[in-house]
Amino acid sequence: MSEKKLYVGGVPYSVADQRLGKVFAEHGTIESARVVTDRDTGWSRGFGFVEMENQGEAESAISAWNGTDLDGRTLTVNAARPRENRSGGFGGGRGGGGDRW
């Protein structure tokens, strides 16, 4: 692993950024902690990202938290992968039965 940014899946829906950071601070200095939320509702999507100060702390946090329980949900913790480029969403095919007319 060459990254210090972690993906955290299975985050309980009641956990906010501050608590996520506090949980991971047990294993080192936290540079940032963010629970991903739905842009329309603002509700948690059940995963987030934590950035540790260095790689050693990130590895320690992965070892300590991956597969463990937090408020009744099992966490999946691993090195975050780079974000994939996604298409704009609109465009492309005609969609939903448009060819019938």
PDB file of N, CA and C in Angstrom:
ATOM      1  N   MET A   1       0.845  -1.181   0.000  1.00  0.00           N
ATOM      2  CA  MET A   1       0.000   0.000   0.000  1.00  0.00           C
ATOM      3  C   MET A   1       0.887   1.240   0.000  1.00  0.00           C
ATOM      4  N   SER A   2       0.602   2.161  -0.864  1.00  0.00           N
ATOM      5  CA  SER A   2       1.399   3.375  -0.920  1.00  0.00           C
ATOM      6  C   SER A   2       0.564   4.604  -0.594  1.00  0.00           C
ATOM      7  N   GLU A   3      -0.641   4.387  -0.132  1.00  0.00           N
ATOM      8  CA  GLU A   3      -1.536   5.498   0.152  1.00  0.00           C
ATOM      9  C   GLU A   3      -1.809   5.624   1.635  1.00  0.00           C
ATOM     10  N   LYS A   4      -2.207   6.799   2.022  1.00  0.00           N
ATOM     11  CA  LYS A   4      -2.613   7.037   3.400  1.00  0.00           C
ATOM     12  C   LYS A   4      -4.098   7.382   3.473  1.00  0.00           C
ATOM     13  N   LYS A   5      -4.785   7.349   2.318  1.00  0.00           N
ATOM     14  CA  LYS A   5      -6.221   7.595   2.278  1.00  0.00           C
ATOM     15  C   LYS A   5      -6.938   6.255   2.276  1.00  0.00           C
ATOM     16  N   LEU A   6      -7.920   6.116   3.167  1.00  0.00           N
ATOM     17  CA  LEU A   6      -8.633   4.862   3.344  1.00  0.00           C
ATOM     18  C   LEU A   6     -10.079   4.974   2.913  1.00  0.00           C
ATOM     19  N   TYR A   7     -10.572   3.908   2.307  1.00  0.00           N
ATOM     20  CA  TYR A   7     -12.000   3.750   2.043  1.00  0.00           C
ATOM     21  C   TYR A   7     -12.578   3.013   3.242  1.00  0.00           C
ATOM     22  N   VAL A   8     -13.707   3.482   3.760  1.00  0.00           N
ATOM     23  CA  VAL A   8     -14.368   2.830   4.885  1.00  0.00           C
ATOM     24  C   VAL A   8     -15.804   2.538   4.477  1.00  0.00           C
ATOM     25  N   GLY A   9     -16.118   1.265   4.265  1.00  0.00           N
ATOM     26  CA  GLY A   9     -17.470   0.848   3.914  1.00  0.00           C
ATOM     27  C   GLY A   9     -18.176   0.284   5.132  1.00  0.00           C
ATOM     28  N   GLY A  10     -19.499   0.222   5.065  1.00  0.00           N
ATOM     29  CA  GLY A  10     -20.287  -0.309   6.170  1.00  0.00           C
ATOM     30  C   GLY A  10     -20.425   0.669   7.321  1.00  0.00           C
ATOM     31  N   VAL A  11     -20.225   1.952   7.059  1.00  0.00           N
ATOM     32  CA  VAL A  11     -20.330   2.968   8.106  1.00  0.00           C
ATOM     33  C   VAL A  11     -21.795   3.077   8.540  1.00  0.00           C
ATOM     34  N   PRO A  12     -22.059   2.970   9.839  1.00  0.00           N
ATOM     35  CA  PRO A  12     -23.440   3.129  10.311  1.00  0.00           C
ATOM     36  C   PRO A  12     -24.006   4.476   9.854  1.00  0.00           C
ATOM     37  N   TYR A  13     -25.277   4.487   9.499  1.00  0.00           N
ATOM     38  CA  TYR A  13     -25.896   5.697   8.960  1.00  0.00           C
ATOM     39  C   TYR A  13     -25.945   6.839   9.968  1.00  0.00           C
ATOM     40  N   SER A  14     -25.799   6.520  11.252  1.00  0.00           N
ATOM     41  CA  SER A  14     -25.828   7.544  12.299  1.00  0.00           C
ATOM     42  C   SER A  14     -24.467   8.212  12.506  1.00  0.00           C
ATOM     43  N   VAL A  15     -23.416   7.694  11.889  1.00  0.00           N
ATOM     44  CA  VAL A  15     -22.058   8.219  12.087  1.00  0.00           C
ATOM     45  C   VAL A  15     -21.795   9.395  11.144  1.00  0.00           C
ATOM     46  N   ALA A  16     -21.326  10.495  11.726  1.00  0.00           N
ATOM     47  CA  ALA A  16     -20.983  11.693  10.948  1.00  0.00           C
ATOM     48  C   ALA A  16     -19.460  11.811  10.850  1.00  0.00           C
ATOM     49  N   ASP A  17     -18.997  12.805  10.101  1.00  0.00           N
ATOM     50  CA  ASP A  17     -17.568  13.018   9.863  1.00  0.00           C
ATOM     51  C   ASP A  17     -16.749  13.010  11.156  1.00  0.00           C
ATOM     52  N   GLN A  18     -17.192  13.765  12.144  1.00  0.00           N
ATOM     53  CA  GLN A  18     -16.420  13.927  13.373  1.00  0.00           C
ATOM     54  C   GLN A  18     -16.239  12.588  14.089  1.00  0.00           C
ATOM     55  N   ARG A  19     -17.292  11.800  14.184  1.00  0.00           N
ATOM     56  CA  ARG A  19     -17.166  10.508  14.878  1.00  0.00           C
ATOM     57  C   ARG A  19     -16.287   9.551  14.092  1.00  0.00           C
ATOM     58  N   LEU A  20     -16.406   9.547  12.775  1.00  0.00           N
ATOM     59  CA  LEU A  20     -15.560   8.678  11.954  1.00  0.00           C
ATOM     60  C   LEU A  20     -14.086   9.008  12.206  1.00  0.00           C
ATOM     61  N   GLY A  21     -13.755  10.287  12.221  1.00  0.00           N
ATOM     62  CA  GLY A  21     -12.387  10.698  12.497  1.00  0.00           C
ATOM     63  C   GLY A  21     -11.933  10.289  13.885  1.00  0.00           C
ATOM     64  N   LYS A  22     -12.807  10.424  14.865  1.00  0.00           N
ATOM     65  CA  LYS A  22     -12.462  10.073  16.241  1.00  0.00           C
ATOM     66  C   LYS A  22     -12.169   8.575  16.370  1.00  0.00           C
ATOM     67  N   VAL A  23     -12.951   7.751  15.695  1.00  0.00           N
ATOM     68  CA  VAL A  23     -12.742   6.303  15.729  1.00  0.00           C
ATOM     69  C   VAL A  23     -11.357   5.954  15.176  1.00  0.00           C
ATOM     70  N   PHE A  24     -10.987   6.553  14.064  1.00  0.00           N
ATOM     71  CA  PHE A  24      -9.715   6.231  13.428  1.00  0.00           C
ATOM     72  C   PHE A  24      -8.529   6.928  14.102  1.00  0.00           C
ATOM     73  N   ALA A  25      -8.778   7.969  14.874  1.00  0.00           N
ATOM     74  CA  ALA A  25      -7.701   8.684  15.568  1.00  0.00           C
ATOM     75  C   ALA A  25      -7.012   7.809  16.605  1.00  0.00           C
ATOM     76  N   GLU A  26      -7.638   6.713  16.973  1.00  0.00           N
ATOM     77  CA  GLU A  26      -7.007   5.771  17.904  1.00  0.00           C
ATOM     78  C   GLU A  26      -5.734   5.179  17.297  1.00  0.00           C
ATOM     79  N   HIS A  27      -5.575   5.286  15.977  1.00  0.00           N
ATOM     80  CA  HIS A  27      -4.436   4.666  15.290  1.00  0.00           C
ATOM     81  C   HIS A  27      -3.517   5.667  14.620  1.00  0.00           C
ATOM     82  N   GLY A  28      -3.698   6.950  14.909  1.00  0.00           N
ATOM     83  CA  GLY A  28      -2.791   7.943  14.356  1.00  0.00           C
ATOM     84  C   GLY A  28      -3.474   9.280  14.143  1.00  0.00           C
ATOM     85  N   THR A  29      -2.747  10.172  13.532  1.00  0.00           N
ATOM     86  CA  THR A  29      -3.239  11.520  13.267  1.00  0.00           C
ATOM     87  C   THR A  29      -4.122  11.517  12.022  1.00  0.00           C
ATOM     88  N   ILE A  30      -5.287  12.099  12.153  1.00  0.00           N
ATOM     89  CA  ILE A  30      -6.255  12.164  11.053  1.00  0.00           C
ATOM     90  C   ILE A  30      -6.094  13.503  10.334  1.00  0.00           C
ATOM     91  N   GLU A  31      -5.887  13.448   9.030  1.00  0.00           N
ATOM     92  CA  GLU A  31      -5.848  14.677   8.232  1.00  0.00           C
ATOM     93  C   GLU A  31      -7.252  15.078   7.805  1.00  0.00           C
ATOM     94  N   SER A  32      -8.097  14.082   7.509  1.00  0.00           N
ATOM     95  CA  SER A  32      -9.489  14.368   7.169  1.00  0.00           C
ATOM     96  C   SER A  32     -10.311  13.103   7.338  1.00  0.00           C
ATOM     97  N   ALA A  33     -11.599  13.290   7.597  1.00  0.00           N
ATOM     98  CA  ALA A  33     -12.547  12.188   7.681  1.00  0.00           C
ATOM     99  C   ALA A  33     -13.864  12.692   7.114  1.00  0.00           C
ATOM    100  N   ARG A  34     -14.420  11.939   6.167  1.00  0.00           N
ATOM    101  CA  ARG A  34     -15.650  12.400   5.511  1.00  0.00           C
ATOM    102  C   ARG A  34     -16.564  11.220   5.239  1.00  0.00           C
ATOM    103  N   VAL A  35     -17.782  11.316   5.741  1.00  0.00           N
ATOM    104  CA  VAL A  35     -18.829  10.357   5.418  1.00  0.00           C
ATOM    105  C   VAL A  35     -19.521  10.883   4.166  1.00  0.00           C
ATOM    106  N   VAL A  36     -19.659  10.044   3.159  1.00  0.00           N
ATOM    107  CA  VAL A  36     -20.278  10.462   1.905  1.00  0.00           C
ATOM    108  C   VAL A  36     -21.793  10.488   2.098  1.00  0.00           C
ATOM    109  N   THR A  37     -22.397  11.589   1.663  1.00  0.00           N
ATOM    110  CA  THR A  37     -23.843  11.749   1.795  1.00  0.00           C
ATOM    111  C   THR A  37     -24.501  11.903   0.430  1.00  0.00           C
ATOM    112  N   ASP A  38     -25.759  11.563   0.384  1.00  0.00           N
ATOM    113  CA  ASP A  38     -26.552  11.745  -0.825  1.00  0.00           C
ATOM    114  C   ASP A  38     -26.731  13.237  -1.069  1.00  0.00           C
ATOM    115  N   ARG A  39     -26.492  13.679  -2.279  1.00  0.00           N
ATOM    116  CA  ARG A  39     -26.536  15.129  -2.525  1.00  0.00           C
ATOM    117  C   ARG A  39     -27.955  15.690  -2.474  1.00  0.00           C
ATOM    118  N   ASP A  40     -28.956  14.851  -2.706  1.00  0.00           N
ATOM    119  CA  ASP A  40     -30.338  15.339  -2.669  1.00  0.00           C
ATOM    120  C   ASP A  40     -30.931  15.338  -1.267  1.00  0.00           C
ATOM    121  N   THR A  41     -30.671  14.282  -0.494  1.00  0.00           N
ATOM    122  CA  THR A  41     -31.284  14.154   0.826  1.00  0.00           C
ATOM    123  C   THR A  41     -30.362  14.563   1.970  1.00  0.00           C
ATOM    124  N   GLY A  42     -29.038  14.513   1.741  1.00  0.00           N
ATOM    125  CA  GLY A  42     -28.090  14.800   2.798  1.00  0.00           C
ATOM    126  C   GLY A  42     -27.860  13.623   3.729  1.00  0.00           C
ATOM    127  N   TRP A  43     -28.514  12.490   3.478  1.00  0.00           N
ATOM    128  CA  TRP A  43     -28.363  11.305   4.320  1.00  0.00           C
ATOM    129  C   TRP A  43     -27.085  10.555   3.954  1.00  0.00           C
ATOM    130  N   SER A  44     -26.525   9.885   4.954  1.00  0.00           N
ATOM    131  CA  SER A  44     -25.325   9.082   4.754  1.00  0.00           C
ATOM    132  C   SER A  44     -25.572   8.002   3.711  1.00  0.00           C
ATOM    133  N   ARG A  45     -24.551   7.726   2.914  1.00  0.00           N
ATOM    134  CA  ARG A  45     -24.626   6.638   1.939  1.00  0.00           C
ATOM    135  C   ARG A  45     -23.970   5.366   2.476  1.00  0.00           C
ATOM    136  N   GLY A  46     -23.493   5.417   3.730  1.00  0.00           N
ATOM    137  CA  GLY A  46     -22.954   4.222   4.372  1.00  0.00           C
ATOM    138  C   GLY A  46     -21.488   3.934   4.098  1.00  0.00           C
ATOM    139  N   PHE A  47     -20.773   4.923   3.574  1.00  0.00           N
ATOM    140  CA  PHE A  47     -19.333   4.767   3.395  1.00  0.00           C
ATOM    141  C   PHE A  47     -18.664   6.129   3.498  1.00  0.00           C
ATOM    142  N   GLY A  48     -17.353   6.099   3.634  1.00  0.00           N
ATOM    143  CA  GLY A  48     -16.628   7.353   3.752  1.00  0.00           C
ATOM    144  C   GLY A  48     -15.150   7.156   3.491  1.00  0.00           C
ATOM    145  N   PHE A  49     -14.397   8.212   3.734  1.00  0.00           N
ATOM    146  CA  PHE A  49     -12.958   8.212   3.504  1.00  0.00           C
ATOM    147  C   PHE A  49     -12.257   8.861   4.691  1.00  0.00           C
ATOM    148  N   VAL A  50     -11.148   8.264   5.079  1.00  0.00           N
ATOM    149  CA  VAL A  50     -10.320   8.810   6.153  1.00  0.00           C
ATOM    150  C   VAL A  50      -8.908   8.934   5.605  1.00  0.00           C
ATOM    151  N   GLU A  51      -8.304  10.094   5.803  1.00  0.00           N
ATOM    152  CA  GLU A  51      -6.916  10.274   5.387  1.00  0.00           C
ATOM    153  C   GLU A  51      -6.059  10.403   6.643  1.00  0.00           C
ATOM    154  N   MET A  52      -5.098   9.491   6.750  1.00  0.00           N
ATOM    155  CA  MET A  52      -4.192   9.456   7.892  1.00  0.00           C
ATOM    156  C   MET A  52      -2.951  10.293   7.566  1.00  0.00           C
ATOM    157  N   GLU A  53      -2.167  10.600   8.598  1.00  0.00           N
ATOM    158  CA  GLU A  53      -0.977  11.419   8.396  1.00  0.00           C
ATOM    159  C   GLU A  53       0.103  10.698   7.594  1.00  0.00           C
ATOM    160  N   ASN A  54       0.218   9.365   7.797  1.00  0.00           N
ATOM    161  CA  ASN A  54       1.248   8.643   7.053  1.00  0.00           C
ATOM    162  C   ASN A  54       0.797   7.212   6.757  1.00  0.00           C
ATOM    163  N   GLN A  55       1.548   6.553   5.929  1.00  0.00           N
ATOM    164  CA  GLN A  55       1.211   5.208   5.474  1.00  0.00           C
ATOM    165  C   GLN A  55       1.188   4.195   6.619  1.00  0.00           C
ATOM    166  N   GLY A  56       2.127   4.294   7.544  1.00  0.00           N
ATOM    167  CA  GLY A  56       2.176   3.364   8.674  1.00  0.00           C
ATOM    168  C   GLY A  56       0.919   3.420   9.521  1.00  0.00           C
ATOM    169  N   GLU A  57       0.435   4.639   9.767  1.00  0.00           N
ATOM    170  CA  GLU A  57      -0.797   4.801  10.534  1.00  0.00           C
ATOM    171  C   GLU A  57      -1.992   4.255   9.750  1.00  0.00           C
ATOM    172  N   ALA A  58      -1.990   4.460   8.453  1.00  0.00           N
ATOM    173  CA  ALA A  58      -3.077   3.944   7.618  1.00  0.00           C
ATOM    174  C   ALA A  58      -3.103   2.417   7.669  1.00  0.00           C
ATOM    175  N   GLU A  59      -1.952   1.789   7.581  1.00  0.00           N
ATOM    176  CA  GLU A  59      -1.878   0.331   7.639  1.00  0.00           C
ATOM    177  C   GLU A  59      -2.344  -0.196   8.998  1.00  0.00           C
ATOM    178  N   SER A  60      -1.980   0.519  10.055  1.00  0.00           N
ATOM    179  CA  SER A  60      -2.412   0.148  11.400  1.00  0.00           C
ATOM    180  C   SER A  60      -3.937   0.224  11.519  1.00  0.00           C
ATOM    181  N   ALA A  61      -4.528   1.283  10.977  1.00  0.00           N
ATOM    182  CA  ALA A  61      -5.974   1.455  11.036  1.00  0.00           C
ATOM    183  C   ALA A  61      -6.693   0.370  10.232  1.00  0.00           C
ATOM    184  N   ILE A  62      -6.145   0.001   9.072  1.00  0.00           N
ATOM    185  CA  ILE A  62      -6.744  -1.073   8.276  1.00  0.00           C
ATOM    186  C   ILE A  62      -6.734  -2.369   9.069  1.00  0.00           C
ATOM    187  N   SER A  63      -5.589  -2.708   9.642  1.00  0.00           N
ATOM    188  CA  SER A  63      -5.467  -3.941  10.424  1.00  0.00           C
ATOM    189  C   SER A  63      -6.428  -3.954  11.604  1.00  0.00           C
ATOM    190  N   ALA A  64      -6.584  -2.811  12.252  1.00  0.00           N
ATOM    191  CA  ALA A  64      -7.410  -2.737  13.449  1.00  0.00           C
ATOM    192  C   ALA A  64      -8.907  -2.745  13.151  1.00  0.00           C
ATOM    193  N   TRP A  65      -9.345  -2.089  12.073  1.00  0.00           N
ATOM    194  CA  TRP A  65     -10.766  -1.878  11.852  1.00  0.00           C
ATOM    195  C   TRP A  65     -11.400  -2.748  10.780  1.00  0.00           C
ATOM    196  N   ASN A  66     -10.659  -3.240   9.816  1.00  0.00           N
ATOM    197  CA  ASN A  66     -11.273  -4.033   8.746  1.00  0.00           C
ATOM    198  C   ASN A  66     -11.921  -5.293   9.323  1.00  0.00           C
ATOM    199  N   GLY A  67     -13.205  -5.473   9.038  1.00  0.00           N
ATOM    200  CA  GLY A  67     -13.937  -6.649   9.497  1.00  0.00           C
ATOM    201  C   GLY A  67     -14.489  -6.541  10.901  1.00  0.00           C
ATOM    202  N   THR A  68     -14.304  -5.404  11.555  1.00  0.00           N
ATOM    203  CA  THR A  68     -14.811  -5.240  12.914  1.00  0.00           C
ATOM    204  C   THR A  68     -16.169  -4.548  12.910  1.00  0.00           C
ATOM    205  N   ASP A  69     -16.825  -4.601  14.063  1.00  0.00           N
ATOM    206  CA  ASP A  69     -18.169  -4.057  14.212  1.00  0.00           C
ATOM    207  C   ASP A  69     -18.117  -2.628  14.763  1.00  0.00           C
ATOM    208  N   LEU A  70     -18.919  -1.758  14.167  1.00  0.00           N
ATOM    209  CA  LEU A  70     -19.124  -0.410  14.692  1.00  0.00           C
ATOM    210  C   LEU A  70     -20.618  -0.164  14.712  1.00  0.00           C
ATOM    211  N   ASP A  71     -21.186  -0.049  15.881  1.00  0.00           N
ATOM    212  CA  ASP A  71     -22.625   0.198  16.054  1.00  0.00           C
ATOM    213  C   ASP A  71     -23.488  -0.788  15.269  1.00  0.00           C
ATOM    214  N   GLY A  72     -23.089  -2.060  15.276  1.00  0.00           N
ATOM    215  CA  GLY A  72     -23.894  -3.098  14.637  1.00  0.00           C
ATOM    216  C   GLY A  72     -23.637  -3.324  13.159  1.00  0.00           C
ATOM    217  N   ARG A  73     -22.711  -2.609  12.572  1.00  0.00           N
ATOM    218  CA  ARG A  73     -22.371  -2.808  11.159  1.00  0.00           C
ATOM    219  C   ARG A  73     -20.904  -3.192  11.035  1.00  0.00           C
ATOM    220  N   THR A  74     -20.615  -4.098  10.113  1.00  0.00           N
ATOM    221  CA  THR A  74     -19.243  -4.553   9.901  1.00  0.00           C
ATOM    222  C   THR A  74     -18.543  -3.608   8.929  1.00  0.00           C
ATOM    223  N   LEU A  75     -17.415  -3.078   9.371  1.00  0.00           N
ATOM    224  CA  LEU A  75     -16.655  -2.151   8.543  1.00  0.00           C
ATOM    225  C   LEU A  75     -15.767  -2.886   7.543  1.00  0.00           C
ATOM    226  N   THR A  76     -15.657  -2.326   6.364  1.00  0.00           N
ATOM    227  CA  THR A  76     -14.684  -2.744   5.358  1.00  0.00           C
ATOM    228  C   THR A  76     -13.722  -1.584   5.207  1.00  0.00           C
ATOM    229  N   VAL A  77     -12.463  -1.817   5.516  1.00  0.00           N
ATOM    230  CA  VAL A  77     -11.470  -0.745   5.476  1.00  0.00           C
ATOM    231  C   VAL A  77     -10.306  -1.191   4.612  1.00  0.00           C
ATOM    232  N   ASN A  78      -9.998  -0.395   3.596  1.00  0.00           N
ATOM    233  CA  ASN A  78      -8.842  -0.683   2.748  1.00  0.00           C
ATOM    234  C   ASN A  78      -8.327   0.604   2.128  1.00  0.00           C
ATOM    235  N   ALA A  79      -7.208   0.496   1.424  1.00  0.00           N
ATOM    236  CA  ALA A  79      -6.639   1.671   0.760  1.00  0.00           C
ATOM    237  C   ALA A  79      -7.626   2.164  -0.295  1.00  0.00           C
ATOM    238  N   ALA A  80      -7.859   3.453  -0.315  1.00  0.00           N
ATOM    239  CA  ALA A  80      -8.777   4.034  -1.292  1.00  0.00           C
ATOM    240  C   ALA A  80      -8.149   3.980  -2.680  1.00  0.00           C
ATOM    241  N   ARG A  81      -8.965   3.620  -3.651  1.00  0.00           N
ATOM    242  CA  ARG A  81      -8.494   3.630  -5.040  1.00  0.00           C
ATOM    243  C   ARG A  81      -8.760   5.011  -5.622  1.00  0.00           C
ATOM    244  N   PRO A  82      -7.988   5.405  -6.633  1.00  0.00           N
ATOM    245  CA  PRO A  82      -8.245   6.696  -7.284  1.00  0.00           C
ATOM    246  C   PRO A  82      -9.647   6.710  -7.874  1.00  0.00           C
ATOM    247  N   ARG A  83     -10.269   7.859  -7.842  1.00  0.00           N
ATOM    248  CA  ARG A  83     -11.624   8.013  -8.363  1.00  0.00           C
ATOM    249  C   ARG A  83     -11.625   7.805  -9.871  1.00  0.00           C
ATOM    250  N   GLU A  84     -12.575   7.008 -10.338  1.00  0.00           N
ATOM    251  CA  GLU A  84     -12.684   6.755 -11.777  1.00  0.00           C
ATOM    252  C   GLU A  84     -13.425   7.895 -12.445  1.00  0.00           C
ATOM    253  N   ASN A  85     -13.009   8.223 -13.662  1.00  0.00           N
ATOM    254  CA  ASN A  85     -13.744   9.223 -14.436  1.00  0.00           C
ATOM    255  C   ASN A  85     -15.050   8.615 -14.884  1.00  0.00           C
ATOM    256  N   ARG A  86     -16.132   9.369 -14.698  1.00  0.00           N
ATOM    257  CA  ARG A  86     -17.440   8.887 -15.118  1.00  0.00           C
ATOM    258  C   ARG A  86     -17.976   9.817 -16.197  1.00  0.00           C
ATOM    259  N   SER A  87     -18.814   9.247 -17.055  1.00  0.00           N
ATOM    260  CA  SER A  87     -19.415  10.078 -18.103  1.00  0.00           C
ATOM    261  C   SER A  87     -20.408  11.038 -17.469  1.00  0.00           C
ATOM    262  N   GLY A  88     -20.831  12.012 -18.240  1.00  0.00           N
ATOM    263  CA  GLY A  88     -21.744  13.038 -17.761  1.00  0.00           C
ATOM    264  C   GLY A  88     -23.113  12.538 -17.373  1.00  0.00           C
ATOM    265  N   GLY A  89     -23.494  11.347 -17.750  1.00  0.00           N
ATOM    266  CA  GLY A  89     -24.776  10.800 -17.338  1.00  0.00           C
ATOM    267  C   GLY A  89     -25.859  10.959 -18.382  1.00  0.00           C
ATOM    268  N   PHE A  90     -25.992  12.118 -18.974  1.00  0.00           N
ATOM    269  CA  PHE A  90     -27.014  12.330 -19.992  1.00  0.00           C
ATOM    270  C   PHE A  90     -26.386  12.147 -21.360  1.00  0.00           C
ATOM    271  N   GLY A  91     -27.164  11.802 -22.305  1.00  0.00           N
ATOM    272  CA  GLY A  91     -26.623  11.606 -23.640  1.00  0.00           C
ATOM    273  C   GLY A  91     -26.554  10.138 -23.971  1.00  0.00           C
ATOM    274  N   GLY A  92     -25.972   9.815 -25.067  1.00  0.00           N
ATOM    275  CA  GLY A  92     -25.906   8.417 -25.454  1.00  0.00           C
ATOM    276  C   GLY A  92     -27.179   7.999 -26.152  1.00  0.00           C
ATOM    277  N   GLY A  93     -27.666   6.820 -25.809  1.00  0.00           N
ATOM    278  CA  GLY A  93     -28.852   6.247 -26.458  1.00  0.00           C
ATOM    279  C   GLY A  93     -30.128   7.010 -26.169  1.00  0.00           C
ATOM    280  N   ARG A  94     -31.171   6.601 -26.849  1.00  0.00           N
ATOM    281  CA  ARG A  94     -32.455   7.277 -26.717  1.00  0.00           C
ATOM    282  C   ARG A  94     -33.194   6.846 -25.460  1.00  0.00           C
ATOM    283  N   GLY A  95     -32.912   5.651 -24.958  1.00  0.00           N
ATOM    284  CA  GLY A  95     -33.521   5.192 -23.720  1.00  0.00           C
ATOM    285  C   GLY A  95     -34.976   4.809 -23.866  1.00  0.00           C
ATOM    286  N   GLY A  96     -35.542   4.302 -22.817  1.00  0.00           N
ATOM    287  CA  GLY A  96     -36.928   3.921 -22.571  1.00  0.00           C
ATOM    288  C   GLY A  96     -37.898   3.816 -23.733  1.00  0.00           C
ATOM    289  N   GLY A  97     -37.699   2.947 -24.661  1.00  0.00           N
ATOM    290  CA  GLY A  97     -38.706   2.663 -25.688  1.00  0.00           C
ATOM    291  C   GLY A  97     -38.850   3.724 -26.750  1.00  0.00           C
ATOM    292  N   GLY A  98     -37.926   4.603 -26.877  1.00  0.00           N
ATOM    293  CA  GLY A  98     -38.031   5.682 -27.833  1.00  0.00           C
ATOM    294  C   GLY A  98     -38.071   5.241 -29.286  1.00  0.00           C
ATOM    295  N   ASP A  99     -37.663   4.033 -29.582  1.00  0.00           N
ATOM    296  CA  ASP A  99     -37.610   3.570 -30.966  1.00  0.00           C
ATOM    297  C   ASP A  99     -38.966   3.084 -31.479  1.00  0.00           C
ATOM    298  N   ARG A 100     -39.965   3.005 -30.642  1.00  0.00           N
ATOM    299  CA  ARG A 100     -41.263   2.460 -31.056  1.00  0.00           C
ATOM    300  C   ARG A 100     -42.065   3.421 -31.906  1.00  0.00           C
ATOM    301  N   TRP A 101     -41.781   4.655 -31.917  1.00  0.00           N
ATOM    302  CA  TRP A 101     -42.620   5.626 -32.632  1.00  0.00           C
ATOM    303  C   TRP A 101     -42.194   5.744 -34.009  1.00  0.00           C
TER     304      TRP A 101
END
